[in-house]
Amino acid sequence: MHDALLWEKKGDKVHCLLCAHSCVIPEGGVGYCACRINEAGKLKTLTYGKSTGFALDPIEKKPFYHFHPGSAVLSFGTPGCTMRCLGCQNWAMSQSPRESKRAFDIPDTMPAEIAKMALRENADGIAYTYSEPTIFFEYARDTILETKKLDKKKFHVFVSNGFFSEEMWKMAMKEKLVDAIRIDLKSFSDKFYREYCGALLEPVLQSIKRVKKSGIHLELITLLIPEKNDSPEEIRAISDFAASLSKDVPLHFIRFFPQYKAGDLQATSEAALRKAKELAEEAGLRYVYVGNLGGEDDTFCPKCGTKVIGRIGFSVARNMLRDGKCPSCKTKIAGVWA
């Protein structure tokens, strides 16, 4: 166990301020995430040092399409999540603290070791991913600080469900921890969030707004689940919200495959993904992507239609940007390119 950040005493209980569940935890108890425990009146985190493994990934795999395309990121995460999505694509890792007493029986990998690993592997940055970065915020924070001691040029990206607290985001901004964040906007229905995710919609929307206001690079993603969040009305609501932030916010729609406790559902059809992209573009969004449909993940200039970045799978086949601009008409393409 490791000392947690972002909490306050409430009598003999502790009030966790890390995520939007805002748990008040009695002595000896754990929060909703099952990853933070009240030990003798102090909040401790169980995730510190407990990486489930490391991989050197293309940043497009996260997916980030408008942030240092073609770069390589050292990716890692820990057991646990602030949500309990019924069809979680990574449930064996995200839900293990709720389902096994041995979820954290993992050898420690300390932040300084990860920083050295990032240098050794020539990673351009580090991605805090696979599970919700909020759940291992202290571990992520110390890894970022250790990496900055060795190489300040390496970037740090969060792959998040957006259910984090305002206090967490303020600390991340104050300490300049995060360079980009990709947030799941799983639905535009609070009922869906309550029943399918064990969470709420509004805190996610507020997090997305805070990120956009902060100026940190933001991309959004929606896993389209048949008969759950794939209606035209739902897709329009998601698209309109994204467009209200900026028509330059990249929005990704990806295919759902039956997993975990949603094994009775169907996989997303190609037609549904294409329709979602069409509706999002009708809402005015300039950069809309669909997953697992080869040849449709390229980036085009919104003004003249020139293909400025060509992708094959998770690899950049060709990057034609010049100083972040279209080579044909010189239009600035939204994103972080250098």
C-alpha atoms as a PDB file:
ATOM      1  CA  MET A   1       0.000   0.000   0.000  1.00  0.00           C
ATOM      2  CA  HIS A   2       1.055   3.568  -0.688  1.00  0.00           C
ATOM      3  CA  ASP A   3      -0.154   6.911   0.644  1.00  0.00           C
ATOM      4  CA  ALA A   4      -2.960   8.284  -1.508  1.00  0.00           C
ATOM      5  CA  LEU A   5      -3.388  11.842  -2.717  1.00  0.00           C
ATOM      6  CA  LEU A   6      -6.579  13.888  -2.862  1.00  0.00           C
ATOM      7  CA  TRP A   7      -8.590  12.974   0.220  1.00  0.00           C
ATOM      8  CA  GLU A   8      -9.814  14.498   3.466  1.00  0.00           C
ATOM      9  CA  LYS A   9     -10.810  13.280   6.897  1.00  0.00           C
ATOM     10  CA  LYS A  10     -14.485  12.974   7.810  1.00  0.00           C
ATOM     11  CA  GLY A  11     -14.563  11.889  11.436  1.00  0.00           C
ATOM     12  CA  ASP A  12     -13.344   8.287  11.505  1.00  0.00           C
ATOM     13  CA  LYS A  13     -13.968   8.045   7.755  1.00  0.00           C
ATOM     14  CA  VAL A  14     -12.030   9.352   4.767  1.00  0.00           C
ATOM     15  CA  HIS A  15     -13.484  11.218   1.817  1.00  0.00           C
ATOM     16  CA  CYS A  16     -11.760  10.273  -1.454  1.00  0.00           C
ATOM     17  CA  LEU A  17     -11.535  13.198  -3.890  1.00  0.00           C
ATOM     18  CA  LEU A  18      -9.936  11.375  -6.808  1.00  0.00           C
ATOM     19  CA  CYS A  19     -12.945  10.515  -8.955  1.00  0.00           C
ATOM     20  CA  ALA A  20     -16.568  11.523  -9.330  1.00  0.00           C
ATOM     21  CA  HIS A  21     -17.837   8.725  -7.076  1.00  0.00           C
ATOM     22  CA  SER A  22     -16.500  10.849  -4.208  1.00  0.00           C
ATOM     23  CA  CYS A  23     -16.530   7.862  -1.828  1.00  0.00           C
ATOM     24  CA  VAL A  24     -16.707   8.281   1.933  1.00  0.00           C
ATOM     25  CA  ILE A  25     -14.899   5.188   3.227  1.00  0.00           C
ATOM     26  CA  PRO A  26     -15.134   3.772   6.760  1.00  0.00           C
ATOM     27  CA  GLU A  27     -12.044   2.445   8.522  1.00  0.00           C
ATOM     28  CA  GLY A  28     -10.940  -0.815   6.947  1.00  0.00           C
ATOM     29  CA  GLY A  29     -13.225  -0.293   3.981  1.00  0.00           C
ATOM     30  CA  VAL A  30     -12.501   0.259   0.295  1.00  0.00           C
ATOM     31  CA  GLY A  31     -13.964   2.672  -2.222  1.00  0.00           C
ATOM     32  CA  TYR A  32     -16.206   1.809  -5.151  1.00  0.00           C
ATOM     33  CA  CYS A  33     -13.080   1.050  -7.162  1.00  0.00           C
ATOM     34  CA  ALA A  34     -11.832  -1.517  -4.613  1.00  0.00           C
ATOM     35  CA  CYS A  35      -8.387   0.032  -5.132  1.00  0.00           C
ATOM     36  CA  ARG A  36      -8.281   2.565  -2.283  1.00  0.00           C
ATOM     37  CA  ILE A  37      -8.556   1.655   1.373  1.00  0.00           C
ATOM     38  CA  ASN A  38      -9.042   3.489   4.660  1.00  0.00           C
ATOM     39  CA  GLU A  39      -6.218   2.210   6.830  1.00  0.00           C
ATOM     40  CA  ALA A  40      -6.328   3.599  10.381  1.00  0.00           C
ATOM     41  CA  GLY A  41      -7.919   6.845   9.201  1.00  0.00           C
ATOM     42  CA  LYS A  42      -5.595   7.390   6.235  1.00  0.00           C
ATOM     43  CA  LEU A  43      -6.360   6.744   2.575  1.00  0.00           C
ATOM     44  CA  LYS A  44      -4.022   4.308   0.873  1.00  0.00           C
ATOM     45  CA  THR A  45      -3.828   3.195  -2.747  1.00  0.00           C
ATOM     46  CA  LEU A  46      -3.366  -0.455  -3.676  1.00  0.00           C
ATOM     47  CA  THR A  47      -2.339   0.193  -7.285  1.00  0.00           C
ATOM     48  CA  TYR A  48       1.032   1.859  -6.687  1.00  0.00           C
ATOM     49  CA  GLY A  49       3.803  -0.027  -8.472  1.00  0.00           C
ATOM     50  CA  LYS A  50       1.408  -2.699  -9.708  1.00  0.00           C
ATOM     51  CA  SER A  51       1.787  -2.532 -13.473  1.00  0.00           C
ATOM     52  CA  THR A  52       0.371  -5.570 -15.252  1.00  0.00           C
ATOM     53  CA  GLY A  53       2.947  -5.234 -18.017  1.00  0.00           C
ATOM     54  CA  PHE A  54       4.487  -2.926 -20.589  1.00  0.00           C
ATOM     55  CA  ALA A  55       4.303  -2.548 -24.354  1.00  0.00           C
ATOM     56  CA  LEU A  56       5.791  -0.208 -26.910  1.00  0.00           C
ATOM     57  CA  ASP A  57       2.772   0.891 -28.957  1.00  0.00           C
ATOM     58  CA  PRO A  58       2.154   3.250 -31.856  1.00  0.00           C
ATOM     59  CA  ILE A  59       0.272   6.217 -30.484  1.00  0.00           C
ATOM     60  CA  GLU A  60      -2.444   5.558 -33.083  1.00  0.00           C
ATOM     61  CA  LYS A  61      -3.398   2.469 -31.075  1.00  0.00           C
ATOM     62  CA  LYS A  62      -4.662   4.589 -28.142  1.00  0.00           C
ATOM     63  CA  PRO A  63      -6.120   6.035 -30.463  1.00  0.00           C
ATOM     64  CA  PHE A  64      -4.562   9.470 -30.933  1.00  0.00           C
ATOM     65  CA  TYR A  65      -4.646  10.578 -34.574  1.00  0.00           C
ATOM     66  CA  HIS A  66      -3.843  14.264 -34.114  1.00  0.00           C
ATOM     67  CA  PHE A  67      -1.014  14.075 -31.581  1.00  0.00           C
ATOM     68  CA  HIS A  68       2.502  13.242 -32.762  1.00  0.00           C
ATOM     69  CA  PRO A  69       1.417  10.739 -35.453  1.00  0.00           C
ATOM     70  CA  GLY A  70       3.809   7.865 -35.976  1.00  0.00           C
ATOM     71  CA  SER A  71       5.346   8.213 -32.518  1.00  0.00           C
ATOM     72  CA  ALA A  72       5.938   5.310 -30.121  1.00  0.00           C
ATOM     73  CA  VAL A  73       4.653   5.245 -26.551  1.00  0.00           C
ATOM     74  CA  LEU A  74       5.565   3.014 -23.648  1.00  0.00           C
ATOM     75  CA  SER A  75       2.152   1.844 -22.427  1.00  0.00           C
ATOM     76  CA  PHE A  76       1.178   0.497 -19.025  1.00  0.00           C
ATOM     77  CA  GLY A  77      -1.675   0.297 -16.544  1.00  0.00           C
ATOM     78  CA  THR A  78      -2.713  -1.393 -13.313  1.00  0.00           C
ATOM     79  CA  PRO A  79      -5.695  -3.471 -12.196  1.00  0.00           C
ATOM     80  CA  GLY A  80      -8.847  -1.511 -11.417  1.00  0.00           C
ATOM     81  CA  CYS A  81     -11.285   1.030 -12.798  1.00  0.00           C
ATOM     82  CA  THR A  82     -13.699   3.686 -11.608  1.00  0.00           C
ATOM     83  CA  MET A  83     -16.423   2.111 -13.761  1.00  0.00           C
ATOM     84  CA  ARG A  84     -17.784  -1.417 -14.208  1.00  0.00           C
ATOM     85  CA  CYS A  85     -18.872  -1.457 -17.848  1.00  0.00           C
ATOM     86  CA  LEU A  86     -20.770  -4.659 -18.576  1.00  0.00           C
ATOM     87  CA  GLY A  87     -19.070  -5.139 -21.920  1.00  0.00           C
ATOM     88  CA  CYS A  88     -15.598  -3.973 -20.911  1.00  0.00           C
ATOM     89  CA  GLN A  89     -13.085  -4.938 -23.581  1.00  0.00           C
ATOM     90  CA  ASN A  90     -10.365  -5.268 -20.924  1.00  0.00           C
ATOM     91  CA  TRP A  91     -12.436  -6.630 -18.056  1.00  0.00           C
ATOM     92  CA  ALA A  92      -9.879  -9.172 -16.788  1.00  0.00           C
ATOM     93  CA  MET A  93      -7.672  -6.263 -15.799  1.00  0.00           C
ATOM     94  CA  SER A  94     -10.152  -3.486 -15.027  1.00  0.00           C
ATOM     95  CA  GLN A  95     -12.512  -5.540 -12.872  1.00  0.00           C
ATOM     96  CA  SER A  96     -10.030  -7.838 -11.135  1.00  0.00           C
ATOM     97  CA  PRO A  97      -9.907  -5.915  -7.809  1.00  0.00           C
ATOM     98  CA  ARG A  98     -13.668  -6.401  -7.488  1.00  0.00           C
ATOM     99  CA  GLU A  99     -13.513 -10.079  -8.373  1.00  0.00           C
ATOM    100  CA  SER A 100     -10.279 -11.403  -6.859  1.00  0.00           C
ATOM    101  CA  LYS A 101      -8.454 -10.938  -3.580  1.00  0.00           C
ATOM    102  CA  ARG A 102      -5.212 -11.561  -5.438  1.00  0.00           C
ATOM    103  CA  ALA A 103      -5.572  -8.799  -8.032  1.00  0.00           C
ATOM    104  CA  PHE A 104      -2.560  -6.958  -6.668  1.00  0.00           C
ATOM    105  CA  ASP A 105      -0.282  -9.965  -6.241  1.00  0.00           C
ATOM    106  CA  ILE A 106       2.041  -8.445  -8.811  1.00  0.00           C
ATOM    107  CA  PRO A 107       5.765  -7.686  -8.480  1.00  0.00           C
ATOM    108  CA  ASP A 108       6.456  -3.986  -8.008  1.00  0.00           C
ATOM    109  CA  THR A 109       7.759  -1.853 -10.863  1.00  0.00           C
ATOM    110  CA  MET A 110       8.685   1.539  -9.484  1.00  0.00           C
ATOM    111  CA  PRO A 111       8.342   4.877 -11.338  1.00  0.00           C
ATOM    112  CA  ALA A 112      12.114   5.348 -11.688  1.00  0.00           C
ATOM    113  CA  GLU A 113      12.333   1.945 -13.398  1.00  0.00           C
ATOM    114  CA  ILE A 114       9.628   2.930 -15.880  1.00  0.00           C
ATOM    115  CA  ALA A 115      11.374   6.221 -16.643  1.00  0.00           C
ATOM    116  CA  LYS A 116      14.590   4.346 -17.437  1.00  0.00           C
ATOM    117  CA  MET A 117      12.623   1.826 -19.512  1.00  0.00           C
ATOM    118  CA  ALA A 118      11.150   4.650 -21.613  1.00  0.00           C
ATOM    119  CA  LEU A 119      14.655   5.903 -22.376  1.00  0.00           C
ATOM    120  CA  ARG A 120      16.016   2.431 -23.056  1.00  0.00           C
ATOM    121  CA  GLU A 121      13.196   1.640 -25.493  1.00  0.00           C
ATOM    122  CA  ASN A 122      13.534   5.029 -27.228  1.00  0.00           C
ATOM    123  CA  ALA A 123       9.867   5.787 -26.554  1.00  0.00           C
ATOM    124  CA  ASP A 124       8.696   9.231 -27.597  1.00  0.00           C
ATOM    125  CA  GLY A 125       6.384   9.311 -24.608  1.00  0.00           C
ATOM    126  CA  ILE A 126       4.462   7.287 -22.062  1.00  0.00           C
ATOM    127  CA  ALA A 127       0.781   6.311 -22.258  1.00  0.00           C
ATOM    128  CA  TYR A 128      -1.113   5.686 -19.036  1.00  0.00           C
ATOM    129  CA  THR A 129      -3.663   3.270 -20.401  1.00  0.00           C
ATOM    130  CA  TYR A 130      -5.178  -0.235 -20.447  1.00  0.00           C
ATOM    131  CA  SER A 131      -7.076   0.711 -17.271  1.00  0.00           C
ATOM    132  CA  GLU A 132      -8.272   4.096 -16.007  1.00  0.00           C
ATOM    133  CA  PRO A 133      -5.252   6.340 -15.178  1.00  0.00           C
ATOM    134  CA  THR A 134      -7.232   7.920 -12.340  1.00  0.00           C
ATOM    135  CA  ILE A 135      -7.152   4.589 -10.537  1.00  0.00           C
ATOM    136  CA  PHE A 136      -3.352   4.711 -10.390  1.00  0.00           C
ATOM    137  CA  PHE A 137      -2.922   8.491 -10.349  1.00  0.00           C
ATOM    138  CA  GLU A 138      -0.193   8.547  -7.678  1.00  0.00           C
ATOM    139  CA  TYR A 139       1.790   5.931  -9.607  1.00  0.00           C
ATOM    140  CA  ALA A 140       1.308   7.791 -12.893  1.00  0.00           C
ATOM    141  CA  ARG A 141       2.240  11.131 -11.313  1.00  0.00           C
ATOM    142  CA  ASP A 142       5.489   9.830  -9.857  1.00  0.00           C
ATOM    143  CA  THR A 143       6.351   8.125 -13.159  1.00  0.00           C
ATOM    144  CA  ILE A 144       5.865  11.406 -14.992  1.00  0.00           C
ATOM    145  CA  LEU A 145       8.002  13.310 -12.479  1.00  0.00           C
ATOM    146  CA  GLU A 146      10.769  10.681 -12.636  1.00  0.00           C
ATOM    147  CA  THR A 147      10.717  10.720 -16.445  1.00  0.00           C
ATOM    148  CA  LYS A 148      10.977  14.501 -16.542  1.00  0.00           C
ATOM    149  CA  LYS A 149      14.181  14.264 -14.506  1.00  0.00           C
ATOM    150  CA  LEU A 150      15.730  12.169 -17.279  1.00  0.00           C
ATOM    151  CA  ASP A 151      14.134  13.597 -20.407  1.00  0.00           C
ATOM    152  CA  LYS A 152      11.757  16.556 -20.390  1.00  0.00           C
ATOM    153  CA  LYS A 153      10.979  16.109 -24.089  1.00  0.00           C
ATOM    154  CA  LYS A 154       9.076  12.873 -23.590  1.00  0.00           C
ATOM    155  CA  PHE A 155       5.319  13.456 -23.591  1.00  0.00           C
ATOM    156  CA  HIS A 156       2.692  11.884 -21.333  1.00  0.00           C
ATOM    157  CA  VAL A 157      -0.816  10.923 -22.424  1.00  0.00           C
ATOM    158  CA  PHE A 158      -3.818   9.644 -20.466  1.00  0.00           C
ATOM    159  CA  VAL A 159      -6.361   7.248 -21.951  1.00  0.00           C
ATOM    160  CA  SER A 160      -9.324   7.894 -19.672  1.00  0.00           C
ATOM    161  CA  ASN A 161     -13.024   7.316 -19.084  1.00  0.00           C
ATOM    162  CA  GLY A 162     -13.333  10.943 -17.964  1.00  0.00           C
ATOM    163  CA  PHE A 163     -14.845  10.111 -14.572  1.00  0.00           C
ATOM    164  CA  PHE A 164     -12.155  11.979 -12.656  1.00  0.00           C
ATOM    165  CA  SER A 165     -12.631  14.795 -10.170  1.00  0.00           C
ATOM    166  CA  GLU A 166     -12.020  18.492 -10.670  1.00  0.00           C
ATOM    167  CA  GLU A 167      -9.408  18.260  -7.888  1.00  0.00           C
ATOM    168  CA  MET A 168      -7.461  15.632  -9.806  1.00  0.00           C
ATOM    169  CA  TRP A 169      -7.485  17.670 -12.991  1.00  0.00           C
ATOM    170  CA  LYS A 170      -6.397  20.829 -11.172  1.00  0.00           C
ATOM    171  CA  MET A 171      -3.401  18.980  -9.742  1.00  0.00           C
ATOM    172  CA  ALA A 172      -2.545  17.525 -13.141  1.00  0.00           C
ATOM    173  CA  MET A 173      -2.634  20.999 -14.675  1.00  0.00           C
ATOM    174  CA  LYS A 174      -0.781  22.716 -11.842  1.00  0.00           C
ATOM    175  CA  GLU A 175       2.054  20.197 -12.041  1.00  0.00           C
ATOM    176  CA  LYS A 176       1.929  20.019 -15.866  1.00  0.00           C
ATOM    177  CA  LEU A 177       1.577  16.254 -15.846  1.00  0.00           C
ATOM    178  CA  VAL A 178      -0.514  15.598 -18.964  1.00  0.00           C
ATOM    179  CA  ASP A 179       0.220  16.596 -22.569  1.00  0.00           C
ATOM    180  CA  ALA A 180      -2.826  14.969 -24.173  1.00  0.00           C
ATOM    181  CA  ILE A 181      -5.858  12.986 -23.115  1.00  0.00           C
ATOM    182  CA  ARG A 182      -8.249  10.698 -24.938  1.00  0.00           C
ATOM    183  CA  ILE A 183     -11.613  10.389 -23.211  1.00  0.00           C
ATOM    184  CA  ASP A 184     -14.376   7.833 -23.668  1.00  0.00           C
ATOM    185  CA  LEU A 185     -17.758   9.442 -24.202  1.00  0.00           C
ATOM    186  CA  LYS A 186     -19.595   6.170 -23.847  1.00  0.00           C
ATOM    187  CA  SER A 187     -23.095   7.517 -24.350  1.00  0.00           C
ATOM    188  CA  PHE A 188     -25.149  10.667 -24.046  1.00  0.00           C
ATOM    189  CA  SER A 189     -27.624   8.951 -21.719  1.00  0.00           C
ATOM    190  CA  ASP A 190     -27.341   9.065 -17.950  1.00  0.00           C
ATOM    191  CA  LYS A 191     -29.485   5.916 -17.835  1.00  0.00           C
ATOM    192  CA  PHE A 192     -26.858   4.106 -19.931  1.00  0.00           C
ATOM    193  CA  TYR A 193     -24.054   5.294 -17.661  1.00  0.00           C
ATOM    194  CA  ARG A 194     -25.932   4.187 -14.537  1.00  0.00           C
ATOM    195  CA  GLU A 195     -27.028   0.779 -15.819  1.00  0.00           C
ATOM    196  CA  TYR A 196     -24.146  -0.198 -18.112  1.00  0.00           C
ATOM    197  CA  CYS A 197     -21.149   1.586 -16.549  1.00  0.00           C
ATOM    198  CA  GLY A 198     -22.050   2.014 -12.886  1.00  0.00           C
ATOM    199  CA  ALA A 199     -21.342   5.720 -13.237  1.00  0.00           C
ATOM    200  CA  LEU A 200     -22.924   9.035 -14.274  1.00  0.00           C
ATOM    201  CA  LEU A 201     -22.869  11.042 -17.491  1.00  0.00           C
ATOM    202  CA  GLU A 202     -22.589  14.606 -16.178  1.00  0.00           C
ATOM    203  CA  PRO A 203     -19.156  14.269 -14.493  1.00  0.00           C
ATOM    204  CA  VAL A 204     -17.758  12.952 -17.770  1.00  0.00           C
ATOM    205  CA  LEU A 205     -19.171  15.910 -19.690  1.00  0.00           C
ATOM    206  CA  GLN A 206     -17.715  18.296 -17.122  1.00  0.00           C
ATOM    207  CA  SER A 207     -14.303  16.634 -17.382  1.00  0.00           C
ATOM    208  CA  ILE A 208     -14.343  16.932 -21.163  1.00  0.00           C
ATOM    209  CA  LYS A 209     -15.228  20.626 -20.905  1.00  0.00           C
ATOM    210  CA  ARG A 210     -12.434  21.228 -18.384  1.00  0.00           C
ATOM    211  CA  VAL A 211      -9.885  19.512 -20.604  1.00  0.00           C
ATOM    212  CA  LYS A 212     -10.951  21.532 -23.646  1.00  0.00           C
ATOM    213  CA  LYS A 213     -10.822  24.768 -21.652  1.00  0.00           C
ATOM    214  CA  SER A 214      -7.341  23.919 -20.370  1.00  0.00           C
ATOM    215  CA  GLY A 215      -5.912  23.781 -23.882  1.00  0.00           C
ATOM    216  CA  ILE A 216      -4.602  20.242 -23.454  1.00  0.00           C
ATOM    217  CA  HIS A 217      -4.959  18.188 -26.630  1.00  0.00           C
ATOM    218  CA  LEU A 218      -8.216  16.209 -26.509  1.00  0.00           C
ATOM    219  CA  GLU A 219      -9.630  13.376 -28.577  1.00  0.00           C
ATOM    220  CA  LEU A 220     -12.946  11.593 -27.935  1.00  0.00           C
ATOM    221  CA  ILE A 221     -13.982   8.027 -28.578  1.00  0.00           C
ATOM    222  CA  THR A 222     -17.324   6.198 -28.512  1.00  0.00           C
ATOM    223  CA  LEU A 223     -17.618   2.431 -28.520  1.00  0.00           C
ATOM    224  CA  LEU A 224     -20.803   1.833 -30.522  1.00  0.00           C
ATOM    225  CA  ILE A 225     -22.891  -0.898 -28.874  1.00  0.00           C
ATOM    226  CA  PRO A 226     -25.834  -2.260 -30.898  1.00  0.00           C
ATOM    227  CA  GLU A 227     -29.221  -1.307 -29.430  1.00  0.00           C
ATOM    228  CA  LYS A 228     -27.538   0.400 -26.476  1.00  0.00           C
ATOM    229  CA  ASN A 229     -25.987   3.656 -27.682  1.00  0.00           C
ATOM    230  CA  ASP A 230     -26.064   3.473 -31.499  1.00  0.00           C
ATOM    231  CA  SER A 231     -29.374   5.161 -32.330  1.00  0.00           C
ATOM    232  CA  PRO A 232     -29.220   8.156 -34.705  1.00  0.00           C
ATOM    233  CA  GLU A 233     -30.530  10.374 -31.893  1.00  0.00           C
ATOM    234  CA  GLU A 234     -27.755   9.265 -29.557  1.00  0.00           C
ATOM    235  CA  ILE A 235     -25.034   9.702 -32.167  1.00  0.00           C
ATOM    236  CA  ARG A 236     -26.318  13.171 -33.047  1.00  0.00           C
ATOM    237  CA  ALA A 237     -26.287  14.141 -29.358  1.00  0.00           C
ATOM    238  CA  ILE A 238     -22.684  12.952 -28.955  1.00  0.00           C
ATOM    239  CA  SER A 239     -21.649  14.692 -32.172  1.00  0.00           C
ATOM    240  CA  ASP A 240     -23.420  17.943 -31.329  1.00  0.00           C
ATOM    241  CA  PHE A 241     -21.745  18.008 -27.921  1.00  0.00           C
ATOM    242  CA  ALA A 242     -18.316  17.441 -29.463  1.00  0.00           C
ATOM    243  CA  ALA A 243     -18.982  20.144 -32.066  1.00  0.00           C
ATOM    244  CA  SER A 244     -20.049  22.569 -29.328  1.00  0.00           C
ATOM    245  CA  LEU A 245     -16.540  22.237 -27.868  1.00  0.00           C
ATOM    246  CA  SER A 246     -14.877  22.686 -31.242  1.00  0.00           C
ATOM    247  CA  LYS A 247     -15.485  21.325 -34.693  1.00  0.00           C
ATOM    248  CA  ASP A 248     -11.805  20.388 -34.679  1.00  0.00           C
ATOM    249  CA  VAL A 249     -12.105  17.851 -31.832  1.00  0.00           C
ATOM    250  CA  PRO A 250     -11.272  14.412 -33.293  1.00  0.00           C
ATOM    251  CA  LEU A 251     -14.081  11.912 -32.650  1.00  0.00           C
ATOM    252  CA  HIS A 252     -13.541   8.164 -33.036  1.00  0.00           C
ATOM    253  CA  PHE A 253     -16.318   5.582 -33.349  1.00  0.00           C
ATOM    254  CA  ILE A 254     -15.098   2.043 -32.772  1.00  0.00           C
ATOM    255  CA  ARG A 255     -16.588  -1.405 -33.095  1.00  0.00           C
ATOM    256  CA  PHE A 256     -17.946  -3.300 -30.104  1.00  0.00           C
ATOM    257  CA  PHE A 257     -17.368  -7.022 -29.749  1.00  0.00           C
ATOM    258  CA  PRO A 258     -19.326  -9.085 -27.185  1.00  0.00           C
ATOM    259  CA  GLN A 259     -17.318  -9.370 -23.981  1.00  0.00           C
ATOM    260  CA  TYR A 260     -17.609  -9.977 -20.242  1.00  0.00           C
ATOM    261  CA  LYS A 261     -21.236  -9.587 -19.069  1.00  0.00           C
ATOM    262  CA  ALA A 262     -22.507  -8.341 -22.435  1.00  0.00           C
ATOM    263  CA  GLY A 263     -21.850 -11.534 -24.344  1.00  0.00           C
ATOM    264  CA  ASP A 264     -25.450 -11.700 -25.525  1.00  0.00           C
ATOM    265  CA  LEU A 265     -25.118  -8.537 -27.627  1.00  0.00           C
ATOM    266  CA  GLN A 266     -24.119  -8.353 -31.275  1.00  0.00           C
ATOM    267  CA  ALA A 267     -20.904  -6.937 -32.662  1.00  0.00           C
ATOM    268  CA  THR A 268     -21.166  -3.515 -34.276  1.00  0.00           C
ATOM    269  CA  SER A 269     -21.797  -3.652 -38.005  1.00  0.00           C
ATOM    270  CA  GLU A 270     -19.695  -1.788 -40.539  1.00  0.00           C
ATOM    271  CA  ALA A 271     -22.841  -0.019 -41.736  1.00  0.00           C
ATOM    272  CA  ALA A 272     -23.526   1.329 -38.228  1.00  0.00           C
ATOM    273  CA  LEU A 273     -20.004   2.713 -37.962  1.00  0.00           C
ATOM    274  CA  ARG A 274     -20.221   4.397 -41.347  1.00  0.00           C
ATOM    275  CA  LYS A 275     -23.614   5.884 -40.489  1.00  0.00           C
ATOM    276  CA  ALA A 276     -22.234   7.261 -37.225  1.00  0.00           C
ATOM    277  CA  LYS A 277     -19.395   8.927 -39.113  1.00  0.00           C
ATOM    278  CA  GLU A 278     -21.857  10.421 -41.590  1.00  0.00           C
ATOM    279  CA  LEU A 279     -24.017  11.860 -38.782  1.00  0.00           C
ATOM    280  CA  ALA A 280     -21.004  13.295 -36.980  1.00  0.00           C
ATOM    281  CA  GLU A 281     -19.809  15.003 -40.130  1.00  0.00           C
ATOM    282  CA  GLU A 282     -23.314  16.413 -40.634  1.00  0.00           C
ATOM    283  CA  ALA A 283     -22.937  17.960 -37.168  1.00  0.00           C
ATOM    284  CA  GLY A 284     -19.937  19.846 -38.530  1.00  0.00           C
ATOM    285  CA  LEU A 285     -17.089  17.818 -37.056  1.00  0.00           C
ATOM    286  CA  ARG A 286     -14.035  18.001 -39.303  1.00  0.00           C
ATOM    287  CA  TYR A 287     -12.177  14.921 -38.095  1.00  0.00           C
ATOM    288  CA  VAL A 288     -14.274  11.782 -37.616  1.00  0.00           C
ATOM    289  CA  TYR A 289     -12.826   8.268 -37.623  1.00  0.00           C
ATOM    290  CA  VAL A 290     -14.139   4.725 -37.490  1.00  0.00           C
ATOM    291  CA  GLY A 291     -12.267   1.734 -36.129  1.00  0.00           C
ATOM    292  CA  ASN A 292     -11.505  -1.567 -37.859  1.00  0.00           C
ATOM    293  CA  LEU A 293     -12.555  -0.475 -41.325  1.00  0.00           C
ATOM    294  CA  GLY A 294      -9.267  -0.435 -43.217  1.00  0.00           C
ATOM    295  CA  GLY A 295      -8.720   2.604 -45.397  1.00  0.00           C
ATOM    296  CA  GLU A 296     -11.096   4.824 -43.447  1.00  0.00           C
ATOM    297  CA  ASP A 297      -8.684   5.988 -40.782  1.00  0.00           C
ATOM    298  CA  ASP A 298      -6.859   8.516 -42.937  1.00  0.00           C
ATOM    299  CA  THR A 299      -6.826  12.226 -42.134  1.00  0.00           C
ATOM    300  CA  PHE A 300      -8.020  14.620 -44.824  1.00  0.00           C
ATOM    301  CA  CYS A 301      -7.765  18.368 -45.123  1.00  0.00           C
ATOM    302  CA  PRO A 302     -11.235  19.717 -44.222  1.00  0.00           C
ATOM    303  CA  LYS A 303     -10.902  22.491 -46.811  1.00  0.00           C
ATOM    304  CA  CYS A 304      -9.598  20.861 -50.010  1.00  0.00           C
ATOM    305  CA  GLY A 305      -9.906  17.139 -49.215  1.00  0.00           C
ATOM    306  CA  THR A 306      -6.239  16.263 -49.661  1.00  0.00           C
ATOM    307  CA  LYS A 307      -5.158  13.167 -47.749  1.00  0.00           C
ATOM    308  CA  VAL A 308      -2.598  14.575 -45.329  1.00  0.00           C
ATOM    309  CA  ILE A 309      -1.973  11.442 -43.254  1.00  0.00           C
ATOM    310  CA  GLY A 310      -2.387   7.935 -44.633  1.00  0.00           C
ATOM    311  CA  ARG A 311      -2.664   5.017 -42.203  1.00  0.00           C
ATOM    312  CA  ILE A 312      -2.502   1.260 -42.522  1.00  0.00           C
ATOM    313  CA  GLY A 313      -3.820  -0.317 -39.347  1.00  0.00           C
ATOM    314  CA  PHE A 314      -2.082   1.451 -36.482  1.00  0.00           C
ATOM    315  CA  SER A 315       0.838   2.583 -38.636  1.00  0.00           C
ATOM    316  CA  VAL A 316       1.319   5.874 -40.419  1.00  0.00           C
ATOM    317  CA  ALA A 317       2.044   4.999 -44.042  1.00  0.00           C
ATOM    318  CA  ARG A 318       2.547   8.572 -45.165  1.00  0.00           C
ATOM    319  CA  ASN A 319       2.540  11.950 -43.425  1.00  0.00           C
ATOM    320  CA  MET A 320       2.295  14.815 -45.893  1.00  0.00           C
ATOM    321  CA  LEU A 321       1.865  17.623 -43.354  1.00  0.00           C
ATOM    322  CA  ARG A 322       4.203  20.561 -43.659  1.00  0.00           C
ATOM    323  CA  ASP A 323       4.505  22.507 -40.394  1.00  0.00           C
ATOM    324  CA  GLY A 324       1.100  21.114 -39.471  1.00  0.00           C
ATOM    325  CA  LYS A 325      -0.487  22.364 -42.668  1.00  0.00           C
ATOM    326  CA  CYS A 326      -2.053  20.801 -45.741  1.00  0.00           C
ATOM    327  CA  PRO A 327       0.592  20.638 -48.510  1.00  0.00           C
ATOM    328  CA  SER A 328      -2.002  21.612 -51.128  1.00  0.00           C
ATOM    329  CA  CYS A 329      -3.911  24.573 -49.695  1.00  0.00           C
ATOM    330  CA  LYS A 330      -1.849  25.406 -46.573  1.00  0.00           C
ATOM    331  CA  THR A 331      -4.841  24.988 -44.239  1.00  0.00           C
ATOM    332  CA  LYS A 332      -3.792  24.362 -40.625  1.00  0.00           C
ATOM    333  CA  ILE A 333      -4.750  20.826 -39.582  1.00  0.00           C
ATOM    334  CA  ALA A 334      -5.863  20.745 -35.948  1.00  0.00           C
ATOM    335  CA  GLY A 335      -3.544  18.836 -33.645  1.00  0.00           C
ATOM    336  CA  VAL A 336      -0.062  18.664 -32.156  1.00  0.00           C
ATOM    337  CA  TRP A 337       2.430  17.765 -34.837  1.00  0.00           C
ATOM    338  CA  ALA A 338       5.858  18.704 -33.511  1.00  0.00           C
END
